[in-house]
Amino acid sequence: MLEKLLSGPKTYYIWLVFLLCLITGCGLVYLQQLREGLSLTGMSRDVSWGLYISQFTYFVGVAASAVMLVLPAYFHHYKKFRRIIIFGEFMAVAAVVMCALFIVVDLGQPQRMLNVMLHPAPSSVMFYDMLVLTGYLALNVIIGWATLEAERLETEPPKWIKPLVYLSILWAFSIHTVTAFLYAGIPGRHYWLTAIMAARFLSSAFCSGPALLLLLLFLVRRLTGFDPGREAVKTLTTIIVYAMCVNVFFYLLELFTAFYSGIPGHREPIDFLFAGHGGHWASRWMWAAAAMAILSLALLLPPSLREHRTLLPVALVMLVAATWIDKGLGLLIGGFTPNMFDDITPYTPTGREITIALGVCAVGALVLSLLWKMALGVKKESGNFAD
């Protein structure tokens, strides 16, 4: 199947060359960070996690969202998802690769990552996070490759793959639950210290991940003519709506707890995120996220609007942007504000920090492009290109 990566239109090669150039340029900036340290970033003593960890958190959710295709297809035998399930699995592979790279660039000395393996600490949540992420990556690579090979040979997938599929469903929930525990297990950060953090992470992942997948499939349909199927799009959009409603409901529960109880530790981070301090940029972004979340639901809840070919992509873009802000830098800044001394330490990502993060995203885009190109080639060869 690898030979399918070598054939394609001119635009395909231009896209790959562009990504390789972008990765090279951003990699040079990362080499500068290796030499000079994390002082190149906007992080400090009081804000020890920043843009890198925020993107790690978000893309773990994107990886976990593949379960929204796998679960209906295998547990409920929903055959309409069989056409696009490989794209969800390969998107999960690209997302986990990005998550690993975001951890690497967040470490001042990447070799420290080996300490997790050389000196395992079962009492550390980070140790379990490494285990579930590497396990999930391996599961999706094996399942995706075996499924695609069976489709190429026009046979049923091997029977040994079913236990791995069922295991991957449980594993998808575990990767984001353990990531949530990284936050909720820190008692000094009141914005994160909530029992509903894992549930919020999962609900956010199950709406934003499928929304991103649909947007990419719409782009692929426009570029290649591959049709994901009207019924599959309709069902996945319904799943997105339910998950987004739950996500918004969970956040409203946090607001009620914070403001009705009046506990300063819970209220002050939210006050800072939405009211700001000294014109900090976070307040503008959070209000924008809230507005886009409401507008996306307004477009997705009525069936007549969410089935509209023009309005649906607009709603999905707003949903992805809203969850990216809330679960990304909004989550990080809220957790670190105020600091341990009841003061405010502002955090703004630097240009070089953003460039390195862009390079990691380019690596993910490259992995995704190659995997999807291979999947599209197999589908075209086996006659499963059009619905």
Protein backbone atom coordinates (compact mmCIF):
# COMPACT_ATOMS: atom_id res chain seq x y z
CA MET A 1 0.00 0.00 0.00
CA LEU A 2 2.96 2.31 0.46
CA GLU A 3 3.29 2.69 -3.31
CA LYS A 4 0.12 4.78 -3.29
CA LEU A 5 2.07 7.57 -1.57
CA LEU A 6 4.18 7.99 -4.72
CA SER A 7 1.35 8.79 -7.09
CA GLY A 8 -0.88 11.84 -7.04
CA PRO A 9 -1.67 15.16 -8.67
CA LYS A 10 0.77 18.04 -8.78
CA THR A 11 -1.00 19.80 -5.90
CA TYR A 12 -0.32 16.77 -3.68
CA TYR A 13 3.44 17.10 -4.14
CA ILE A 14 3.31 20.88 -3.71
CA TRP A 15 1.49 20.38 -0.41
CA LEU A 16 4.08 17.87 0.83
CA VAL A 17 6.98 20.15 -0.16
CA PHE A 18 5.28 23.06 1.61
CA LEU A 19 4.88 21.03 4.81
CA LEU A 20 8.50 19.84 4.68
CA CYS A 21 9.75 23.41 4.24
CA LEU A 22 7.56 24.58 7.10
CA ILE A 23 8.82 21.78 9.36
CA THR A 24 12.43 22.61 8.47
CA GLY A 25 11.98 26.32 9.19
CA CYS A 26 10.20 25.73 12.49
CA GLY A 27 12.76 23.05 13.37
CA LEU A 28 15.52 25.64 13.14
CA VAL A 29 13.66 27.75 15.70
CA TYR A 30 13.38 24.69 17.94
CA LEU A 31 17.15 24.19 17.70
CA GLN A 32 17.47 27.74 18.98
CA GLN A 33 15.22 26.83 21.92
CA LEU A 34 17.42 23.79 22.62
CA ARG A 35 20.48 26.03 22.82
CA GLU A 36 18.97 28.90 24.82
CA GLY A 37 16.30 27.10 26.82
CA LEU A 38 12.65 27.81 27.55
CA SER A 39 13.42 31.48 28.17
CA LEU A 40 12.45 31.89 24.49
CA THR A 41 8.85 31.15 25.50
CA GLY A 42 6.42 33.25 27.52
CA MET A 43 6.48 30.76 30.40
CA SER A 44 7.88 31.67 33.79
CA ARG A 45 8.19 30.44 37.37
CA ASP A 46 4.48 31.04 37.99
CA VAL A 47 3.27 29.83 34.57
CA SER A 48 5.15 26.59 33.98
CA TRP A 49 2.77 25.24 31.32
CA GLY A 50 1.91 27.21 28.22
CA LEU A 51 1.04 26.91 24.55
CA TYR A 52 2.72 23.52 24.13
CA ILE A 53 0.80 21.78 26.91
CA SER A 54 -2.45 23.47 25.91
CA GLN A 55 -2.12 22.00 22.41
CA PHE A 56 -1.15 18.63 23.87
CA THR A 57 -4.36 18.66 25.90
CA TYR A 58 -6.51 19.57 22.92
CA PHE A 59 -5.07 17.01 20.52
CA VAL A 60 -5.34 14.19 23.05
CA GLY A 61 -9.05 14.87 22.78
CA VAL A 62 -8.87 14.80 18.98
CA ALA A 63 -7.17 11.40 19.21
CA ALA A 64 -9.77 10.05 21.64
CA SER A 65 -12.65 11.20 19.43
CA ALA A 66 -12.05 8.33 16.98
CA VAL A 67 -14.14 6.24 19.36
CA MET A 68 -17.22 8.12 18.14
CA LEU A 69 -16.84 6.25 14.85
CA VAL A 70 -15.51 2.95 16.17
CA LEU A 71 -18.17 2.43 18.84
CA PRO A 72 -21.27 2.75 16.56
CA ALA A 73 -19.59 0.77 13.77
CA TYR A 74 -18.54 -2.22 15.88
CA PHE A 75 -20.97 -2.23 18.82
CA HIS A 76 -24.11 -1.19 16.96
CA HIS A 77 -23.08 -2.44 13.48
CA TYR A 78 -23.74 0.95 11.91
CA LYS A 79 -22.39 0.21 8.44
CA LYS A 80 -22.55 3.83 7.23
CA PHE A 81 -19.46 4.61 9.32
CA ARG A 82 -17.42 1.81 7.73
CA ARG A 83 -16.53 4.10 4.82
CA ILE A 84 -14.95 6.77 6.99
CA ILE A 85 -13.79 4.87 10.07
CA ILE A 86 -10.27 4.50 8.67
CA PHE A 87 -9.98 8.28 8.41
CA GLY A 88 -10.88 8.67 12.08
CA GLU A 89 -8.31 6.06 13.10
CA PHE A 90 -5.57 7.64 11.01
CA MET A 91 -6.47 11.09 12.37
CA ALA A 92 -6.00 9.63 15.85
CA VAL A 93 -2.53 8.41 14.85
CA ALA A 94 -1.53 11.88 13.61
CA ALA A 95 -2.99 13.50 16.76
CA VAL A 96 -1.02 11.21 19.11
CA VAL A 97 2.19 11.92 17.17
CA MET A 98 1.56 15.63 17.69
CA CYS A 99 0.84 15.09 21.39
CA ALA A 100 4.19 13.32 21.82
CA LEU A 101 6.03 16.11 19.99
CA PHE A 102 4.35 18.81 22.09
CA ILE A 103 5.66 17.06 25.21
CA VAL A 104 9.15 16.91 23.65
CA VAL A 105 9.26 20.63 22.83
CA ASP A 106 7.86 21.49 26.25
CA LEU A 107 10.83 19.83 27.94
CA GLY A 108 13.90 22.02 28.22
CA GLN A 109 16.01 18.89 27.74
CA PRO A 110 14.15 16.23 25.70
CA GLN A 111 16.32 13.44 27.09
CA ARG A 112 14.50 13.89 30.38
CA MET A 113 11.62 12.07 28.74
CA LEU A 114 13.65 8.88 29.06
CA ASN A 115 13.43 9.17 32.84
CA VAL A 116 9.77 8.16 32.65
CA MET A 117 10.82 4.85 31.07
CA LEU A 118 14.14 4.29 32.84
CA HIS A 119 12.77 5.19 36.27
CA PRO A 120 9.03 4.36 36.16
CA ALA A 121 6.97 5.76 39.02
CA PRO A 122 3.56 4.06 39.32
CA SER A 123 2.45 6.84 41.67
CA SER A 124 2.92 9.42 38.88
CA VAL A 125 0.01 10.30 36.60
CA MET A 126 2.53 11.28 33.92
CA PHE A 127 3.77 7.67 33.86
CA TYR A 128 0.27 6.38 33.11
CA ASP A 129 -0.28 9.13 30.55
CA MET A 130 2.78 7.91 28.63
CA LEU A 131 1.52 4.31 28.79
CA VAL A 132 -1.98 5.04 27.52
CA LEU A 133 -0.80 7.34 24.72
CA THR A 134 1.80 4.91 23.36
CA GLY A 135 -0.67 2.03 23.69
CA TYR A 136 -3.39 3.97 21.88
CA LEU A 137 -0.97 4.89 19.09
CA ALA A 138 0.00 1.24 18.61
CA LEU A 139 -3.64 0.09 18.63
CA ASN A 140 -4.73 2.58 15.97
CA VAL A 141 -1.75 1.83 13.72
CA ILE A 142 -2.38 -1.94 13.89
CA ILE A 143 -6.17 -1.69 13.51
CA GLY A 144 -6.00 0.93 10.78
CA TRP A 145 -3.40 -0.94 8.75
CA ALA A 146 -5.17 -4.33 9.05
CA THR A 147 -8.54 -2.79 8.15
CA LEU A 148 -7.14 -1.00 5.13
CA GLU A 149 -5.28 -4.10 3.96
CA ALA A 150 -8.50 -6.12 4.18
CA GLU A 151 -10.32 -3.48 2.14
CA ARG A 152 -7.56 -3.55 -0.48
CA LEU A 153 -7.88 -7.34 -0.76
CA GLU A 154 -11.69 -7.03 -0.68
CA THR A 155 -11.97 -9.42 2.25
CA GLU A 156 -13.33 -9.21 5.78
CA PRO A 157 -10.92 -7.88 8.43
CA PRO A 158 -9.11 -10.68 10.33
CA LYS A 159 -10.92 -12.02 13.38
CA TRP A 160 -8.03 -11.23 15.70
CA ILE A 161 -8.65 -7.53 15.16
CA LYS A 162 -11.99 -7.45 17.01
CA PRO A 163 -10.54 -7.78 20.53
CA LEU A 164 -8.12 -4.97 19.67
CA VAL A 165 -11.01 -2.82 18.45
CA TYR A 166 -12.92 -3.32 21.69
CA LEU A 167 -9.77 -2.60 23.66
CA SER A 168 -9.20 0.60 21.66
CA ILE A 169 -12.68 1.83 22.65
CA LEU A 170 -11.86 1.53 26.34
CA TRP A 171 -8.38 2.93 25.68
CA ALA A 172 -9.83 6.03 23.97
CA PHE A 173 -11.70 6.93 27.14
CA SER A 174 -8.60 6.28 29.24
CA ILE A 175 -6.20 8.58 27.37
CA HIS A 176 -8.30 11.67 27.99
CA THR A 177 -9.31 10.64 31.49
CA VAL A 178 -5.67 10.29 32.52
CA THR A 179 -4.88 13.65 30.87
CA ALA A 180 -7.67 15.22 32.92
CA PHE A 181 -6.17 13.68 36.07
CA LEU A 182 -2.92 15.54 35.31
CA TYR A 183 -4.88 18.73 35.92
CA ALA A 184 -7.42 17.67 38.54
CA GLY A 185 -4.71 16.07 40.68
CA ILE A 186 -3.05 19.42 41.47
CA PRO A 187 -4.67 20.70 44.69
CA GLY A 188 -3.20 24.21 44.48
CA ARG A 189 -4.98 25.06 41.20
CA HIS A 190 -8.65 25.66 41.97
CA TYR A 191 -9.79 26.08 38.36
CA TRP A 192 -8.63 22.52 37.65
CA LEU A 193 -9.53 21.03 41.01
CA THR A 194 -12.93 19.68 40.05
CA ALA A 195 -14.29 16.14 39.92
CA ILE A 196 -16.00 16.89 36.61
CA MET A 197 -12.75 17.70 34.78
CA ALA A 198 -12.48 14.28 33.09
CA ALA A 199 -16.14 14.41 32.04
CA ARG A 200 -15.61 17.90 30.60
CA PHE A 201 -12.57 16.72 28.69
CA LEU A 202 -14.44 13.77 27.18
CA SER A 203 -17.53 15.76 26.19
CA SER A 204 -15.32 18.42 24.58
CA ALA A 205 -13.33 15.76 22.73
CA PHE A 206 -16.45 13.98 21.45
CA CYS A 207 -17.76 17.14 19.80
CA SER A 208 -14.57 18.89 18.64
CA GLY A 209 -12.79 15.80 17.27
CA PRO A 210 -15.64 14.61 15.01
CA ALA A 211 -16.25 18.23 13.95
CA LEU A 212 -12.61 18.53 12.86
CA LEU A 213 -12.87 15.17 11.09
CA LEU A 214 -15.97 16.27 9.18
CA LEU A 215 -14.31 19.52 8.12
CA LEU A 216 -11.32 17.61 6.77
CA LEU A 217 -13.59 15.14 4.97
CA PHE A 218 -15.47 18.04 3.36
CA LEU A 219 -12.12 19.39 2.17
CA VAL A 220 -11.14 15.97 0.81
CA ARG A 221 -14.49 15.70 -0.98
CA ARG A 222 -13.88 19.04 -2.64
CA LEU A 223 -10.32 18.12 -3.66
CA THR A 224 -10.70 14.46 -4.64
CA GLY A 225 -14.40 13.73 -5.02
CA PHE A 226 -14.47 11.16 -2.21
CA ASP A 227 -17.97 11.13 -0.71
CA PRO A 228 -18.17 10.25 3.01
CA GLY A 229 -21.87 9.53 2.59
CA ARG A 230 -24.89 11.66 3.43
CA GLU A 231 -26.19 9.37 6.18
CA ALA A 232 -22.77 9.09 7.83
CA VAL A 233 -22.41 12.89 7.87
CA LYS A 234 -25.93 13.28 9.26
CA THR A 235 -25.36 10.76 12.06
CA LEU A 236 -21.96 12.14 13.01
CA THR A 237 -23.37 15.66 13.08
CA THR A 238 -26.09 14.49 15.48
CA ILE A 239 -23.41 12.99 17.76
CA ILE A 240 -21.54 16.31 17.66
CA VAL A 241 -24.68 18.22 18.68
CA TYR A 242 -25.37 15.98 21.70
CA ALA A 243 -21.73 16.09 22.83
CA MET A 244 -21.56 19.88 22.48
CA CYS A 245 -24.77 20.31 24.50
CA VAL A 246 -23.27 18.18 27.28
CA ASN A 247 -20.01 20.12 27.07
CA VAL A 248 -21.77 23.48 27.47
CA PHE A 249 -23.93 22.08 30.29
CA PHE A 250 -20.82 20.90 32.18
CA TYR A 251 -19.24 24.34 31.87
CA LEU A 252 -22.42 25.99 33.19
CA LEU A 253 -22.20 23.67 36.21
CA GLU A 254 -18.69 25.02 36.86
CA LEU A 255 -20.01 28.59 36.64
CA PHE A 256 -22.81 27.85 39.09
CA THR A 257 -20.44 26.20 41.58
CA ALA A 258 -17.98 29.10 41.35
CA PHE A 259 -20.38 32.01 41.66
CA TYR A 260 -23.16 30.60 43.83
CA SER A 261 -20.74 29.24 46.42
CA GLY A 262 -18.67 32.42 46.31
CA ILE A 263 -15.45 30.50 47.02
CA PRO A 264 -12.68 32.86 45.87
CA GLY A 265 -10.41 30.10 44.59
CA HIS A 266 -13.06 28.95 42.13
CA ARG A 267 -14.45 32.36 41.22
CA GLU A 268 -11.27 34.38 40.64
CA PRO A 269 -9.90 32.37 37.66
CA ILE A 270 -13.23 32.72 35.83
CA ASP A 271 -13.38 36.43 36.72
CA PHE A 272 -9.93 36.86 35.18
CA LEU A 273 -10.77 34.86 32.05
CA PHE A 274 -13.90 36.85 31.25
CA ALA A 275 -13.28 40.22 32.91
CA GLY A 276 -9.54 40.39 32.36
CA HIS A 277 -6.96 42.37 34.26
CA GLY A 278 -5.18 45.32 32.76
CA GLY A 279 -6.62 44.57 29.33
CA HIS A 280 -5.23 41.02 29.20
CA TRP A 281 -6.03 39.32 25.88
CA ALA A 282 -7.57 36.22 27.52
CA SER A 283 -10.90 37.96 28.24
CA ARG A 284 -11.44 38.86 24.58
CA TRP A 285 -10.71 35.31 23.46
CA MET A 286 -12.97 33.74 26.08
CA TRP A 287 -15.91 35.95 25.15
CA ALA A 288 -15.28 35.04 21.51
CA ALA A 289 -15.28 31.34 22.47
CA ALA A 290 -18.56 31.72 24.36
CA ALA A 291 -20.17 33.54 21.43
CA MET A 292 -18.99 30.93 18.92
CA ALA A 293 -20.19 28.07 21.15
CA ILE A 294 -23.69 29.60 21.33
CA LEU A 295 -23.81 30.40 17.62
CA SER A 296 -22.62 26.94 16.64
CA LEU A 297 -25.36 25.34 18.74
CA ALA A 298 -27.92 27.72 17.26
CA LEU A 299 -26.96 26.45 13.81
CA LEU A 300 -26.61 22.78 14.75
CA LEU A 301 -29.68 22.19 16.91
CA PRO A 302 -32.37 22.74 14.23
CA PRO A 303 -32.19 19.74 11.82
CA SER A 304 -32.98 21.95 8.83
CA LEU A 305 -29.93 24.13 9.52
CA ARG A 306 -27.41 21.44 10.42
CA GLU A 307 -28.17 19.58 7.20
CA HIS A 308 -27.51 22.70 5.12
CA ARG A 309 -24.36 22.18 3.02
CA THR A 310 -23.17 25.77 3.53
CA LEU A 311 -24.15 26.41 7.15
CA LEU A 312 -22.85 23.10 8.51
CA PRO A 313 -19.13 23.81 7.83
CA VAL A 314 -19.54 27.31 9.29
CA ALA A 315 -21.06 25.89 12.48
CA LEU A 316 -18.35 23.23 12.74
CA VAL A 317 -15.56 25.81 12.35
CA MET A 318 -17.05 27.89 15.17
CA LEU A 319 -17.43 24.80 17.36
CA VAL A 320 -13.81 23.73 16.82
CA ALA A 321 -12.56 27.28 17.50
CA ALA A 322 -14.67 27.62 20.68
CA THR A 323 -13.49 24.32 22.16
CA TRP A 324 -9.87 25.01 21.13
CA ILE A 325 -9.88 28.30 23.06
CA ASP A 326 -11.70 26.94 26.11
CA LYS A 327 -9.71 23.71 26.36
CA GLY A 328 -6.42 25.23 25.23
CA LEU A 329 -4.97 28.45 26.56
CA GLY A 330 -8.18 29.31 28.40
CA LEU A 331 -7.78 26.21 30.57
CA LEU A 332 -4.07 26.86 31.16
CA ILE A 333 -4.37 30.57 31.99
CA GLY A 334 -7.37 29.96 34.25
CA GLY A 335 -5.42 27.35 36.21
CA PHE A 336 -2.39 29.56 36.78
CA THR A 337 -4.37 32.70 37.69
CA PRO A 338 -4.06 33.88 40.38
CA ASN A 339 -0.72 32.38 41.37
CA MET A 340 0.24 30.95 44.76
CA PHE A 341 0.85 34.46 46.11
CA ASP A 342 -2.63 35.61 45.11
CA ASP A 343 -1.11 37.74 42.38
CA ILE A 344 -1.42 37.75 38.59
CA THR A 345 1.45 36.69 36.37
CA PRO A 346 0.45 37.38 32.75
CA TYR A 347 1.30 34.86 30.07
CA THR A 348 1.48 35.54 26.34
CA PRO A 349 3.01 33.05 23.89
CA THR A 350 6.06 34.47 22.11
CA GLY A 351 6.53 34.45 18.35
CA ARG A 352 9.13 31.70 18.51
CA GLU A 353 6.90 29.64 20.80
CA ILE A 354 4.06 29.91 18.28
CA THR A 355 6.46 29.03 15.44
CA ILE A 356 7.58 25.82 17.17
CA ALA A 357 3.96 24.86 17.87
CA LEU A 358 3.18 25.51 14.20
CA GLY A 359 6.03 23.16 13.26
CA VAL A 360 4.53 20.38 15.40
CA CYS A 361 1.15 20.92 13.71
CA ALA A 362 2.92 20.71 10.33
CA VAL A 363 4.36 17.31 11.31
CA GLY A 364 0.85 16.16 12.24
CA ALA A 365 -0.50 17.48 8.93
CA LEU A 366 2.24 15.60 7.07
CA VAL A 367 1.49 12.31 8.85
CA LEU A 368 -2.25 12.78 8.28
CA SER A 369 -1.77 13.66 4.60
CA LEU A 370 0.32 10.56 3.91
CA LEU A 371 -2.02 8.21 5.80
CA TRP A 372 -5.16 9.64 4.20
CA LYS A 373 -3.55 9.57 0.74
CA MET A 374 -2.91 5.87 1.21
CA ALA A 375 -6.48 5.28 2.42
CA LEU A 376 -7.97 7.22 -0.51
CA GLY A 377 -5.83 5.25 -2.95
CA VAL A 378 -7.08 1.95 -1.55
CA LYS A 379 -10.71 3.09 -1.62
CA LYS A 380 -10.39 4.26 -5.20
CA GLU A 381 -8.81 0.97 -6.24
CA SER A 382 -11.44 -1.16 -4.48
CA GLY A 383 -14.37 0.86 -5.83
CA ASN A 384 -15.39 2.40 -2.47
CA PHE A 385 -14.70 5.96 -3.54
CA ALA A 386 -18.25 7.12 -4.21
CA ASP A 387 -21.32 6.51 -2.09
